[in-house]
C-alpha atoms as a PDB file:
ATOM      1  CA  MET A   1     -73.086  34.151  18.890  1.00  0.00           C
ATOM      2  CA  GLU A   2     -76.389  34.585  20.722  1.00  0.00           C
ATOM      3  CA  THR A   3     -79.278  35.447  18.387  1.00  0.00           C
ATOM      4  CA  TYR A   4     -82.428  36.858  19.945  1.00  0.00           C
ATOM      5  CA  LYS A   5     -85.699  36.205  18.132  1.00  0.00           C
ATOM      6  CA  ILE A   6     -87.865  39.325  18.248  1.00  0.00           C
ATOM      7  CA  ALA A   7     -91.509  39.563  17.191  1.00  0.00           C
ATOM      8  CA  VAL A   8     -92.192  43.063  15.876  1.00  0.00           C
ATOM      9  CA  ILE A   9     -95.765  44.345  16.042  1.00  0.00           C
ATOM     10  CA  ALA A  10     -95.411  47.879  14.745  1.00  0.00           C
ATOM     11  CA  GLY A  11     -99.136  48.512  15.197  1.00  0.00           C
ATOM     12  CA  ASP A  12    -101.017  51.632  14.193  1.00  0.00           C
ATOM     13  CA  GLY A  13    -100.440  55.284  13.404  1.00  0.00           C
ATOM     14  CA  VAL A  14     -96.845  56.316  13.996  1.00  0.00           C
ATOM     15  CA  GLY A  15     -95.996  52.865  15.343  1.00  0.00           C
ATOM     16  CA  PRO A  16     -94.263  51.572  12.196  1.00  0.00           C
ATOM     17  CA  GLU A  17     -92.243  54.789  11.871  1.00  0.00           C
ATOM     18  CA  VAL A  18     -90.850  54.838  15.412  1.00  0.00           C
ATOM     19  CA  ILE A  19     -90.384  51.088  15.734  1.00  0.00           C
ATOM     20  CA  GLY A  20     -88.311  51.113  12.555  1.00  0.00           C
ATOM     21  CA  GLU A  21     -85.800  53.363  14.299  1.00  0.00           C
ATOM     22  CA  ALA A  22     -85.740  51.162  17.412  1.00  0.00           C
ATOM     23  CA  VAL A  23     -84.902  48.207  15.167  1.00  0.00           C
ATOM     24  CA  ARG A  24     -82.158  50.263  13.521  1.00  0.00           C
ATOM     25  CA  VAL A  25     -80.557  51.010  16.896  1.00  0.00           C
ATOM     26  CA  LEU A  26     -80.767  47.403  18.066  1.00  0.00           C
ATOM     27  CA  GLU A  27     -79.114  46.225  14.877  1.00  0.00           C
ATOM     28  CA  ARG A  28     -76.368  48.852  15.233  1.00  0.00           C
ATOM     29  CA  ALA A  29     -75.628  47.849  18.837  1.00  0.00           C
ATOM     30  CA  ALA A  30     -75.456  44.179  17.859  1.00  0.00           C
ATOM     31  CA  ALA A  31     -73.176  44.893  14.899  1.00  0.00           C
ATOM     32  CA  LEU A  32     -70.801  46.986  16.996  1.00  0.00           C
ATOM     33  CA  ASP A  33     -70.642  44.402  19.784  1.00  0.00           C
ATOM     34  CA  GLY A  34     -70.344  41.291  17.660  1.00  0.00           C
ATOM     35  CA  SER A  35     -71.265  38.790  20.374  1.00  0.00           C
ATOM     36  CA  PHE A  36     -75.038  38.873  19.815  1.00  0.00           C
ATOM     37  CA  ALA A  37     -77.523  39.473  17.018  1.00  0.00           C
ATOM     38  CA  PHE A  38     -81.236  40.005  16.477  1.00  0.00           C
ATOM     39  CA  SER A  39     -83.638  38.194  14.169  1.00  0.00           C
ATOM     40  CA  PHE A  40     -86.807  40.226  13.574  1.00  0.00           C
ATOM     41  CA  THR A  41     -90.145  38.816  12.394  1.00  0.00           C
ATOM     42  CA  HIS A  42     -92.819  41.400  11.558  1.00  0.00           C
ATOM     43  CA  PHE A  43     -96.555  40.929  12.156  1.00  0.00           C
ATOM     44  CA  PRO A  44     -99.187  43.313  10.684  1.00  0.00           C
ATOM     45  CA  TRP A  45    -101.493  43.182  13.689  1.00  0.00           C
ATOM     46  CA  GLY A  46    -103.415  46.064  15.232  1.00  0.00           C
ATOM     47  CA  CYS A  47    -106.449  48.202  14.494  1.00  0.00           C
ATOM     48  CA  GLU A  48    -106.155  48.131  10.704  1.00  0.00           C
ATOM     49  CA  TYR A  49    -105.932  44.348  10.942  1.00  0.00           C
ATOM     50  CA  TYR A  50    -109.059  44.454  13.147  1.00  0.00           C
ATOM     51  CA  LEU A  51    -111.004  46.492  10.588  1.00  0.00           C
ATOM     52  CA  LYS A  52    -110.230  43.828   7.981  1.00  0.00           C
ATOM     53  CA  THR A  53    -110.659  40.677  10.084  1.00  0.00           C
ATOM     54  CA  GLY A  54    -112.660  41.564  13.219  1.00  0.00           C
ATOM     55  CA  ARG A  55    -109.681  40.624  15.442  1.00  0.00           C
ATOM     56  CA  MET A  56    -106.689  42.586  16.699  1.00  0.00           C
ATOM     57  CA  MET A  57    -104.507  39.549  16.015  1.00  0.00           C
ATOM     58  CA  PRO A  58    -105.187  36.037  14.683  1.00  0.00           C
ATOM     59  CA  GLU A  59    -106.938  33.510  16.878  1.00  0.00           C
ATOM     60  CA  ASN A  60    -103.641  31.629  17.237  1.00  0.00           C
ATOM     61  CA  GLY A  61    -101.642  34.818  17.762  1.00  0.00           C
ATOM     62  CA  MET A  62    -100.447  33.884  21.250  1.00  0.00           C
ATOM     63  CA  GLU A  63     -99.335  30.486  20.010  1.00  0.00           C
ATOM     64  CA  ILE A  64     -97.344  32.213  17.265  1.00  0.00           C
ATOM     65  CA  LEU A  65     -95.671  34.608  19.714  1.00  0.00           C
ATOM     66  CA  LYS A  66     -94.805  32.202  22.531  1.00  0.00           C
ATOM     67  CA  ASP A  67     -91.518  30.955  21.066  1.00  0.00           C
ATOM     68  CA  PHE A  68     -89.991  34.405  20.569  1.00  0.00           C
ATOM     69  CA  ASP A  69     -87.474  35.793  23.044  1.00  0.00           C
ATOM     70  CA  ALA A  70     -89.233  39.168  23.167  1.00  0.00           C
ATOM     71  CA  ILE A  71     -91.883  41.305  21.507  1.00  0.00           C
ATOM     72  CA  LEU A  72     -91.335  44.863  20.267  1.00  0.00           C
ATOM     73  CA  LEU A  73     -94.650  46.727  20.096  1.00  0.00           C
ATOM     74  CA  GLY A  74     -95.179  50.108  18.470  1.00  0.00           C
ATOM     75  CA  ALA A  75     -98.539  51.699  19.213  1.00  0.00           C
ATOM     76  CA  VAL A  76    -102.150  50.564  19.228  1.00  0.00           C
ATOM     77  CA  GLY A  77    -105.159  52.735  18.453  1.00  0.00           C
ATOM     78  CA  TYR A  78    -106.987  54.020  15.405  1.00  0.00           C
ATOM     79  CA  PRO A  79    -110.115  56.090  14.699  1.00  0.00           C
ATOM     80  CA  GLY A  80    -113.134  53.850  14.369  1.00  0.00           C
ATOM     81  CA  VAL A  81    -111.904  51.163  16.743  1.00  0.00           C
ATOM     82  CA  PRO A  82    -113.027  51.641  20.379  1.00  0.00           C
ATOM     83  CA  ASP A  83    -110.117  51.850  22.817  1.00  0.00           C
ATOM     84  CA  HIS A  84    -111.359  49.005  24.983  1.00  0.00           C
ATOM     85  CA  ILE A  85    -111.311  46.706  21.949  1.00  0.00           C
ATOM     86  CA  SER A  86    -107.851  47.712  20.762  1.00  0.00           C
ATOM     87  CA  LEU A  87    -106.441  47.501  24.287  1.00  0.00           C
ATOM     88  CA  ARG A  88    -107.937  44.171  25.319  1.00  0.00           C
ATOM     89  CA  GLY A  89    -107.613  42.515  21.934  1.00  0.00           C
ATOM     90  CA  LEU A  90    -103.842  42.858  21.731  1.00  0.00           C
ATOM     91  CA  LEU A  91    -101.901  44.638  24.473  1.00  0.00           C
ATOM     92  CA  LEU A  92    -103.696  43.256  27.522  1.00  0.00           C
ATOM     93  CA  GLU A  93    -104.105  39.870  25.862  1.00  0.00           C
ATOM     94  CA  ILE A  94    -100.324  39.629  25.585  1.00  0.00           C
ATOM     95  CA  ARG A  95     -99.609  41.046  29.043  1.00  0.00           C
ATOM     96  CA  HIS A  96    -101.991  38.641  30.734  1.00  0.00           C
ATOM     97  CA  GLY A  97    -101.381  35.611  28.528  1.00  0.00           C
ATOM     98  CA  PHE A  98     -97.602  35.774  28.930  1.00  0.00           C
ATOM     99  CA  ASP A  99     -97.772  36.698  32.635  1.00  0.00           C
ATOM    100  CA  GLN A 100     -95.865  39.934  32.113  1.00  0.00           C
ATOM    101  CA  TYR A 101     -96.556  40.991  35.668  1.00  0.00           C
ATOM    102  CA  VAL A 102     -93.901  43.713  35.969  1.00  0.00           C
ATOM    103  CA  ASN A 103     -94.363  46.945  34.058  1.00  0.00           C
ATOM    104  CA  LEU A 104     -91.045  48.777  34.331  1.00  0.00           C
ATOM    105  CA  ARG A 105     -91.083  52.460  33.409  1.00  0.00           C
ATOM    106  CA  PRO A 106     -88.149  54.848  33.791  1.00  0.00           C
ATOM    107  CA  VAL A 107     -89.109  58.393  34.733  1.00  0.00           C
ATOM    108  CA  ARG A 108     -85.815  60.167  34.255  1.00  0.00           C
ATOM    109  CA  LEU A 109     -85.147  63.724  33.141  1.00  0.00           C
ATOM    110  CA  LEU A 110     -82.236  63.567  30.721  1.00  0.00           C
ATOM    111  CA  LYS A 111     -79.966  66.543  30.144  1.00  0.00           C
ATOM    112  CA  GLY A 112     -81.436  68.716  27.429  1.00  0.00           C
ATOM    113  CA  ALA A 113     -84.978  67.378  27.801  1.00  0.00           C
ATOM    114  CA  PRO A 114     -87.723  69.937  28.469  1.00  0.00           C
ATOM    115  CA  CYS A 115     -89.213  70.040  31.966  1.00  0.00           C
ATOM    116  CA  PRO A 116     -92.291  72.070  32.954  1.00  0.00           C
ATOM    117  CA  LEU A 117     -91.191  72.251  36.600  1.00  0.00           C
ATOM    118  CA  ALA A 118     -89.263  75.415  37.374  1.00  0.00           C
ATOM    119  CA  GLY A 119     -85.872  74.932  38.953  1.00  0.00           C
ATOM    120  CA  ARG A 120     -85.735  71.169  38.470  1.00  0.00           C
ATOM    121  CA  GLY A 121     -82.903  69.369  36.735  1.00  0.00           C
ATOM    122  CA  PRO A 122     -81.804  65.806  35.931  1.00  0.00           C
ATOM    123  CA  GLU A 123     -80.647  65.242  39.500  1.00  0.00           C
ATOM    124  CA  ASP A 124     -84.215  65.861  40.756  1.00  0.00           C
ATOM    125  CA  ILE A 125     -86.164  63.506  38.471  1.00  0.00           C
ATOM    126  CA  ARG A 126     -84.640  60.042  38.394  1.00  0.00           C
ATOM    127  CA  MET A 127     -87.167  57.419  39.379  1.00  0.00           C
ATOM    128  CA  THR A 128     -88.173  53.935  38.264  1.00  0.00           C
ATOM    129  CA  PHE A 129     -91.780  52.774  38.488  1.00  0.00           C
ATOM    130  CA  VAL A 130     -92.526  49.110  39.122  1.00  0.00           C
ATOM    131  CA  ARG A 131     -96.202  48.767  38.216  1.00  0.00           C
ATOM    132  CA  GLU A 132     -98.220  45.611  38.811  1.00  0.00           C
ATOM    133  CA  ASN A 133     -99.272  44.647  35.298  1.00  0.00           C
ATOM    134  CA  THR A 134    -101.781  41.777  35.255  1.00  0.00           C
ATOM    135  CA  GLU A 135    -104.257  42.269  38.119  1.00  0.00           C
ATOM    136  CA  GLY A 136    -105.980  45.184  39.824  1.00  0.00           C
ATOM    137  CA  GLU A 137    -108.578  47.140  37.911  1.00  0.00           C
ATOM    138  CA  TYR A 138    -107.318  45.854  34.558  1.00  0.00           C
ATOM    139  CA  ALA A 139    -108.108  42.219  35.287  1.00  0.00           C
ATOM    140  CA  GLY A 140    -111.309  42.621  33.281  1.00  0.00           C
ATOM    141  CA  SER A 141    -113.597  41.195  35.959  1.00  0.00           C
ATOM    142  CA  GLY A 142    -117.057  42.569  36.590  1.00  0.00           C
ATOM    143  CA  ALA A 143    -120.625  42.696  35.334  1.00  0.00           C
ATOM    144  CA  TRP A 144    -123.023  44.937  33.396  1.00  0.00           C
ATOM    145  CA  LEU A 145    -126.564  44.396  34.573  1.00  0.00           C
ATOM    146  CA  TYR A 146    -129.929  45.628  33.266  1.00  0.00           C
ATOM    147  CA  GLN A 147    -128.398  47.433  30.295  1.00  0.00           C
ATOM    148  CA  GLY A 148    -130.427  50.371  29.017  1.00  0.00           C
ATOM    149  CA  ARG A 149    -132.887  50.285  31.920  1.00  0.00           C
ATOM    150  CA  PRO A 150    -133.276  52.807  34.765  1.00  0.00           C
ATOM    151  CA  GLU A 151    -131.842  50.286  37.243  1.00  0.00           C
ATOM    152  CA  GLU A 152    -128.723  49.718  35.104  1.00  0.00           C
ATOM    153  CA  VAL A 153    -125.690  48.716  37.214  1.00  0.00           C
ATOM    154  CA  VAL A 154    -122.033  48.355  36.273  1.00  0.00           C
ATOM    155  CA  ILE A 155    -119.588  46.498  38.522  1.00  0.00           C
ATOM    156  CA  GLN A 156    -115.832  46.708  37.885  1.00  0.00           C
ATOM    157  CA  ASP A 157    -113.902  44.370  40.163  1.00  0.00           C
ATOM    158  CA  SER A 158    -110.364  44.957  41.332  1.00  0.00           C
ATOM    159  CA  VAL A 159    -108.449  41.701  41.630  1.00  0.00           C
ATOM    160  CA  PHE A 160    -105.531  41.464  44.081  1.00  0.00           C
ATOM    161  CA  SER A 161    -104.114  38.028  44.813  1.00  0.00           C
ATOM    162  CA  ARG A 162    -101.439  37.322  47.399  1.00  0.00           C
ATOM    163  CA  ARG A 163     -99.240  35.760  44.725  1.00  0.00           C
ATOM    164  CA  GLY A 164     -99.683  38.635  42.291  1.00  0.00           C
ATOM    165  CA  THR A 165     -99.196  41.366  44.877  1.00  0.00           C
ATOM    166  CA  GLU A 166     -96.264  39.754  46.649  1.00  0.00           C
ATOM    167  CA  ARG A 167     -94.238  38.975  43.535  1.00  0.00           C
ATOM    168  CA  VAL A 168     -94.342  42.501  42.108  1.00  0.00           C
ATOM    169  CA  ILE A 169     -93.534  44.037  45.489  1.00  0.00           C
ATOM    170  CA  ARG A 170     -90.646  41.587  45.920  1.00  0.00           C
ATOM    171  CA  TYR A 171     -89.337  42.528  42.469  1.00  0.00           C
ATOM    172  CA  ALA A 172     -89.321  46.184  43.566  1.00  0.00           C
ATOM    173  CA  TYR A 173     -87.500  45.374  46.811  1.00  0.00           C
ATOM    174  CA  GLU A 174     -84.888  43.390  44.894  1.00  0.00           C
ATOM    175  CA  LEU A 175     -84.384  46.273  42.461  1.00  0.00           C
ATOM    176  CA  ALA A 176     -84.063  48.791  45.289  1.00  0.00           C
ATOM    177  CA  ARG A 177     -81.515  46.564  47.045  1.00  0.00           C
ATOM    178  CA  LYS A 178     -79.531  45.987  43.849  1.00  0.00           C
ATOM    179  CA  GLU A 179     -79.359  49.692  43.014  1.00  0.00           C
ATOM    180  CA  GLY A 180     -79.014  50.932  46.608  1.00  0.00           C
ATOM    181  CA  ARG A 181     -82.044  53.190  46.299  1.00  0.00           C
ATOM    182  CA  THR A 182     -85.112  53.940  48.388  1.00  0.00           C
ATOM    183  CA  LEU A 183     -88.451  52.243  47.751  1.00  0.00           C
ATOM    184  CA  THR A 184     -91.818  54.003  47.943  1.00  0.00           C
ATOM    185  CA  SER A 185     -95.116  52.129  47.893  1.00  0.00           C
ATOM    186  CA  VAL A 186     -98.152  54.019  46.578  1.00  0.00           C
ATOM    187  CA  SER A 187    -101.669  52.907  47.556  1.00  0.00           C
ATOM    188  CA  LYS A 188    -105.014  54.320  48.723  1.00  0.00           C
ATOM    189  CA  ALA A 189    -105.818  52.303  51.844  1.00  0.00           C
ATOM    190  CA  ASN A 190    -107.871  55.040  53.499  1.00  0.00           C
ATOM    191  CA  ALA A 191    -110.581  54.701  50.832  1.00  0.00           C
ATOM    192  CA  LEU A 192    -110.093  51.215  49.355  1.00  0.00           C
ATOM    193  CA  ASN A 193    -110.560  49.255  52.532  1.00  0.00           C
ATOM    194  CA  TYR A 194    -109.904  45.802  51.077  1.00  0.00           C
ATOM    195  CA  SER A 195    -107.530  45.919  48.119  1.00  0.00           C
ATOM    196  CA  MET A 196    -105.218  48.674  49.296  1.00  0.00           C
ATOM    197  CA  VAL A 197    -105.180  47.616  52.946  1.00  0.00           C
ATOM    198  CA  PHE A 198    -104.112  44.223  51.620  1.00  0.00           C
ATOM    199  CA  TRP A 199    -101.451  45.878  49.412  1.00  0.00           C
ATOM    200  CA  ASP A 200    -100.007  47.782  52.380  1.00  0.00           C
ATOM    201  CA  GLN A 201     -99.973  44.613  54.477  1.00  0.00           C
ATOM    202  CA  ILE A 202     -98.030  42.690  51.822  1.00  0.00           C
ATOM    203  CA  PHE A 203     -95.594  45.584  51.375  1.00  0.00           C
ATOM    204  CA  LYS A 204     -94.850  45.491  55.103  1.00  0.00           C
ATOM    205  CA  GLU A 205     -94.567  41.692  55.232  1.00  0.00           C
ATOM    206  CA  VAL A 206     -92.128  41.472  52.320  1.00  0.00           C
ATOM    207  CA  GLY A 207     -90.184  44.421  53.709  1.00  0.00           C
ATOM    208  CA  GLU A 208     -89.233  42.419  56.802  1.00  0.00           C
ATOM    209  CA  GLU A 209     -86.910  40.414  54.519  1.00  0.00           C
ATOM    210  CA  TYR A 210     -85.201  43.592  53.295  1.00  0.00           C
ATOM    211  CA  PRO A 211     -84.153  45.541  56.412  1.00  0.00           C
ATOM    212  CA  ASP A 212     -81.409  47.232  54.369  1.00  0.00           C
ATOM    213  CA  VAL A 213     -83.907  48.932  52.033  1.00  0.00           C
ATOM    214  CA  GLU A 214     -85.216  52.333  53.116  1.00  0.00           C
ATOM    215  CA  THR A 215     -88.976  52.414  52.529  1.00  0.00           C
ATOM    216  CA  HIS A 216     -91.775  54.971  52.391  1.00  0.00           C
ATOM    217  CA  SER A 217     -95.547  54.690  51.852  1.00  0.00           C
ATOM    218  CA  LEU A 218     -97.786  57.313  50.304  1.00  0.00           C
ATOM    219  CA  LEU A 219    -101.416  57.653  49.324  1.00  0.00           C
ATOM    220  CA  VAL A 220    -101.764  58.063  45.571  1.00  0.00           C
ATOM    221  CA  ASP A 221    -103.103  61.619  45.741  1.00  0.00           C
ATOM    222  CA  ALA A 222    -100.179  62.690  47.926  1.00  0.00           C
ATOM    223  CA  ALA A 223     -97.784  60.890  45.579  1.00  0.00           C
ATOM    224  CA  ALA A 224     -99.158  62.838  42.594  1.00  0.00           C
ATOM    225  CA  MET A 225     -98.690  66.087  44.487  1.00  0.00           C
ATOM    226  CA  PHE A 226     -95.124  65.290  45.547  1.00  0.00           C
ATOM    227  CA  MET A 227     -94.144  64.183  42.039  1.00  0.00           C
ATOM    228  CA  VAL A 228     -94.741  67.807  41.053  1.00  0.00           C
ATOM    229  CA  LYS A 229     -93.590  69.586  44.215  1.00  0.00           C
ATOM    230  CA  ASP A 230     -90.678  67.372  45.263  1.00  0.00           C
ATOM    231  CA  PRO A 231     -89.862  64.704  42.634  1.00  0.00           C
ATOM    232  CA  ALA A 232     -86.410  64.064  44.106  1.00  0.00           C
ATOM    233  CA  ARG A 233     -88.006  62.154  46.993  1.00  0.00           C
ATOM    234  CA  PHE A 234     -88.859  59.260  44.641  1.00  0.00           C
ATOM    235  CA  GLN A 235     -86.333  56.638  43.538  1.00  0.00           C
ATOM    236  CA  ILE A 236     -87.927  53.188  43.110  1.00  0.00           C
ATOM    237  CA  VAL A 237     -91.741  53.279  43.225  1.00  0.00           C
ATOM    238  CA  VAL A 238     -94.028  50.243  43.396  1.00  0.00           C
ATOM    239  CA  THR A 239     -97.764  50.530  42.893  1.00  0.00           C
ATOM    240  CA  SER A 240    -100.876  48.890  41.508  1.00  0.00           C
ATOM    241  CA  ASN A 241    -101.932  48.639  37.883  1.00  0.00           C
ATOM    242  CA  LEU A 242    -104.279  51.627  37.680  1.00  0.00           C
ATOM    243  CA  PHE A 243    -102.259  53.958  39.895  1.00  0.00           C
ATOM    244  CA  GLY A 244     -99.094  53.057  38.028  1.00  0.00           C
ATOM    245  CA  ASP A 245    -100.726  53.807  34.687  1.00  0.00           C
ATOM    246  CA  ILE A 246    -101.801  57.268  35.815  1.00  0.00           C
ATOM    247  CA  LEU A 247     -98.654  58.253  37.714  1.00  0.00           C
ATOM    248  CA  THR A 248     -96.273  57.231  34.946  1.00  0.00           C
ATOM    249  CA  ASP A 249     -98.103  59.495  32.489  1.00  0.00           C
ATOM    250  CA  LEU A 250     -97.617  62.289  35.005  1.00  0.00           C
ATOM    251  CA  GLY A 251     -93.992  61.193  35.173  1.00  0.00           C
ATOM    252  CA  ALA A 252     -93.682  61.448  31.399  1.00  0.00           C
ATOM    253  CA  ALA A 253     -95.064  64.984  31.528  1.00  0.00           C
ATOM    254  CA  ILE A 254     -92.393  66.152  33.990  1.00  0.00           C
ATOM    255  CA  ALA A 255     -89.545  64.224  32.323  1.00  0.00           C
ATOM    256  CA  GLY A 256     -89.570  65.482  28.756  1.00  0.00           C
ATOM    257  CA  GLY A 257     -92.975  64.457  27.445  1.00  0.00           C
ATOM    258  CA  MET A 258     -94.510  61.336  25.924  1.00  0.00           C
ATOM    259  CA  GLY A 259     -91.895  61.297  23.175  1.00  0.00           C
ATOM    260  CA  LEU A 260     -89.386  60.165  25.800  1.00  0.00           C
ATOM    261  CA  ALA A 261     -91.612  57.701  27.666  1.00  0.00           C
ATOM    262  CA  ALA A 262     -90.386  54.096  27.508  1.00  0.00           C
ATOM    263  CA  GLY A 263     -91.869  50.957  29.020  1.00  0.00           C
ATOM    264  CA  ALA A 264     -91.208  47.249  29.451  1.00  0.00           C
ATOM    265  CA  ASN A 265     -93.675  44.461  30.244  1.00  0.00           C
ATOM    266  CA  LEU A 266     -91.597  41.774  31.905  1.00  0.00           C
ATOM    267  CA  ASN A 267     -92.008  38.117  32.690  1.00  0.00           C
ATOM    268  CA  PRO A 268     -88.951  38.021  34.993  1.00  0.00           C
ATOM    269  CA  GLU A 269     -88.796  34.222  35.083  1.00  0.00           C
ATOM    270  CA  ARG A 270     -88.598  34.194  31.240  1.00  0.00           C
ATOM    271  CA  THR A 271     -91.137  31.413  31.005  1.00  0.00           C
ATOM    272  CA  TRP A 272     -92.809  33.547  28.343  1.00  0.00           C
ATOM    273  CA  PRO A 273     -91.558  36.379  26.138  1.00  0.00           C
ATOM    274  CA  SER A 274     -91.477  39.880  27.562  1.00  0.00           C
ATOM    275  CA  MET A 275     -92.781  42.847  25.600  1.00  0.00           C
ATOM    276  CA  PHE A 276     -91.209  46.266  25.106  1.00  0.00           C
ATOM    277  CA  GLU A 277     -93.259  49.298  24.068  1.00  0.00           C
ATOM    278  CA  PRO A 278     -93.121  53.085  24.177  1.00  0.00           C
ATOM    279  CA  ILE A 279     -96.057  54.354  26.182  1.00  0.00           C
ATOM    280  CA  HIS A 280     -97.131  57.140  23.825  1.00  0.00           C
ATOM    281  CA  GLY A 281    -100.179  56.575  21.664  1.00  0.00           C
ATOM    282  CA  SER A 282    -100.501  55.966  17.947  1.00  0.00           C
ATOM    283  CA  ALA A 283    -100.882  59.707  17.165  1.00  0.00           C
ATOM    284  CA  PRO A 284    -102.914  59.203  13.963  1.00  0.00           C
ATOM    285  CA  ASP A 285    -102.933  62.970  13.354  1.00  0.00           C
ATOM    286  CA  ILE A 286     -99.222  62.938  12.481  1.00  0.00           C
ATOM    287  CA  ALA A 287     -98.934  59.398  11.091  1.00  0.00           C
ATOM    288  CA  GLY A 288     -97.180  59.248   7.748  1.00  0.00           C
ATOM    289  CA  LYS A 289     -95.685  62.734   8.067  1.00  0.00           C
ATOM    290  CA  GLY A 290     -92.288  61.488   9.177  1.00  0.00           C
ATOM    291  CA  ILE A 291     -92.125  63.757  12.223  1.00  0.00           C
ATOM    292  CA  ALA A 292     -92.945  61.319  15.053  1.00  0.00           C
ATOM    293  CA  ASP A 293     -90.380  61.232  17.853  1.00  0.00           C
ATOM    294  CA  PRO A 294     -88.587  57.838  17.885  1.00  0.00           C
ATOM    295  CA  LEU A 295     -86.680  58.382  21.145  1.00  0.00           C
ATOM    296  CA  ALA A 296     -89.238  56.641  23.385  1.00  0.00           C
ATOM    297  CA  SER A 297     -89.085  53.565  21.153  1.00  0.00           C
ATOM    298  CA  ILE A 298     -85.300  53.705  21.155  1.00  0.00           C
ATOM    299  CA  TRP A 299     -85.236  53.987  24.958  1.00  0.00           C
ATOM    300  CA  THR A 300     -87.536  50.969  25.014  1.00  0.00           C
ATOM    301  CA  ALA A 301     -84.950  49.163  22.879  1.00  0.00           C
ATOM    302  CA  ALA A 302     -82.387  50.040  25.551  1.00  0.00           C
ATOM    303  CA  GLN A 303     -84.620  48.323  28.113  1.00  0.00           C
ATOM    304  CA  MET A 304     -84.635  45.230  25.902  1.00  0.00           C
ATOM    305  CA  LEU A 305     -80.837  45.261  25.818  1.00  0.00           C
ATOM    306  CA  ASP A 306     -80.826  45.479  29.633  1.00  0.00           C
ATOM    307  CA  PHE A 307     -83.228  42.557  29.888  1.00  0.00           C
ATOM    308  CA  PHE A 308     -81.005  40.374  27.715  1.00  0.00           C
ATOM    309  CA  GLY A 309     -78.033  41.134  29.955  1.00  0.00           C
ATOM    310  CA  HIS A 310     -76.391  43.778  27.777  1.00  0.00           C
ATOM    311  CA  GLU A 311     -76.676  46.599  30.307  1.00  0.00           C
ATOM    312  CA  ASP A 312     -73.570  48.237  28.885  1.00  0.00           C
ATOM    313  CA  TRP A 313     -75.293  48.722  25.546  1.00  0.00           C
ATOM    314  CA  GLY A 314     -78.529  49.739  27.227  1.00  0.00           C
ATOM    315  CA  ALA A 315     -76.628  52.495  29.045  1.00  0.00           C
ATOM    316  CA  LYS A 316     -74.855  53.538  25.828  1.00  0.00           C
ATOM    317  CA  VAL A 317     -78.192  53.937  24.054  1.00  0.00           C
ATOM    318  CA  VAL A 318     -79.604  56.114  26.846  1.00  0.00           C
ATOM    319  CA  ASP A 319     -76.367  58.155  26.878  1.00  0.00           C
ATOM    320  CA  ALA A 320     -76.743  58.631  23.128  1.00  0.00           C
ATOM    321  CA  ILE A 321     -80.318  59.870  23.610  1.00  0.00           C
ATOM    322  CA  GLU A 322     -79.033  62.348  26.174  1.00  0.00           C
ATOM    323  CA  SER A 323     -76.292  63.520  23.802  1.00  0.00           C
ATOM    324  CA  LEU A 324     -78.790  63.943  20.989  1.00  0.00           C
ATOM    325  CA  LEU A 325     -81.063  66.094  23.143  1.00  0.00           C
ATOM    326  CA  SER A 326     -78.468  68.873  23.054  1.00  0.00           C
ATOM    327  CA  ASP A 327     -78.530  68.983  19.234  1.00  0.00           C
ATOM    328  CA  LYS A 328     -81.793  70.545  18.086  1.00  0.00           C
ATOM    329  CA  ASP A 329     -80.960  70.013  14.416  1.00  0.00           C
ATOM    330  CA  ARG A 330     -81.251  66.255  14.896  1.00  0.00           C
ATOM    331  CA  LEU A 331     -84.418  66.246  17.031  1.00  0.00           C
ATOM    332  CA  THR A 332     -88.010  65.987  15.870  1.00  0.00           C
ATOM    333  CA  PRO A 333     -90.395  68.989  16.067  1.00  0.00           C
ATOM    334  CA  ASP A 334     -91.981  67.962  19.391  1.00  0.00           C
ATOM    335  CA  LEU A 335     -88.600  68.622  21.018  1.00  0.00           C
ATOM    336  CA  GLY A 336     -88.010  71.853  19.127  1.00  0.00           C
ATOM    337  CA  GLY A 337     -86.000  70.314  16.301  1.00  0.00           C
ATOM    338  CA  ARG A 338     -86.269  70.120  12.536  1.00  0.00           C
ATOM    339  CA  ALA A 339     -85.311  66.485  11.886  1.00  0.00           C
ATOM    340  CA  SER A 340     -87.519  63.745  10.537  1.00  0.00           C
ATOM    341  CA  THR A 341     -88.161  60.511  12.414  1.00  0.00           C
ATOM    342  CA  GLU A 342     -85.622  58.718  10.241  1.00  0.00           C
ATOM    343  CA  GLU A 343     -82.997  61.455  10.524  1.00  0.00           C
ATOM    344  CA  CYS A 344     -83.311  61.403  14.306  1.00  0.00           C
ATOM    345  CA  GLY A 345     -82.975  57.615  14.452  1.00  0.00           C
ATOM    346  CA  LYS A 346     -79.975  57.576  12.113  1.00  0.00           C
ATOM    347  CA  ALA A 347     -78.261  60.301  14.126  1.00  0.00           C
ATOM    348  CA  LEU A 348     -78.631  58.311  17.309  1.00  0.00           C
ATOM    349  CA  ALA A 349     -77.390  55.101  15.678  1.00  0.00           C
ATOM    350  CA  ASP A 350     -74.351  57.036  14.471  1.00  0.00           C
ATOM    351  CA  LEU A 351     -73.634  58.223  18.018  1.00  0.00           C
ATOM    352  CA  LEU A 352     -73.345  54.588  19.126  1.00  0.00           C
ATOM    353  CA  GLY A 353     -70.511  54.079  16.668  1.00  0.00           C
END
């Protein structure tokens, strides 16, 4: 039997509540299958850990994590800890340190999920975003000069390497070929005359190796407009770090809300562990009330099952989420239900059986 070693960083706010239900579903899938199992190790890292120690995780945190098969992350963020500290001290440290260069985010409207777009159904919103995850504007390169003086200057560099750009674009082409879907590249070459012109060039170069893949290119502002006006035109989407971050939040808004927004940070070569996280925040205003929606975390668990080669179970989990969406009594209040976080998670685990 294959046993996957999973590091669990439940994090802050509602993180421990929703991640507990993701763990429940993973354990249920493994028990029903019988050919694989999970071994979970929990780490109390995050903003509360920072307030006690001055660090988001221990100095040797990356060394501790490197031998795990994957990381399951809840949410990071807490009042009193600046966002740039919580983000760079844990999430980005792991993404960059473990070369998790593919951020894979499904933007799919499931049956029964709310959608703010009139006349749109599940057949119209079914896209997968492949977001570059280690470079671009989030590389953390720049300078802050003459602080507090009238001539103060801030420089934020965008970093685009040929290796980094080509590998994420190639991953998207491979995914589009495998699934027989179209591929859209999103950039902003008319205004960003170095980084995005370079991006478009690499997209075209790599595309010559994939003549069977239908491709499209859009400026990011046009892409945002069409995601609202004509979402069906998007299938596989590849884009840079910052644009991907923004557009996938828009995607969450049109596909059921943040409570259904899953995400995976992948090191495709598996040299290092990959990390799986819902993309909603820590929601400290409802933490401890037992009403947080666990479905994004559970969908993230489905992505982990896919990554480990158990696509059948990944699909079963997503199907169970879709089935649950038609039963308001077993949904949390954000989706119009009356169930607690735990009741929702248990109901979904039962559907797997």
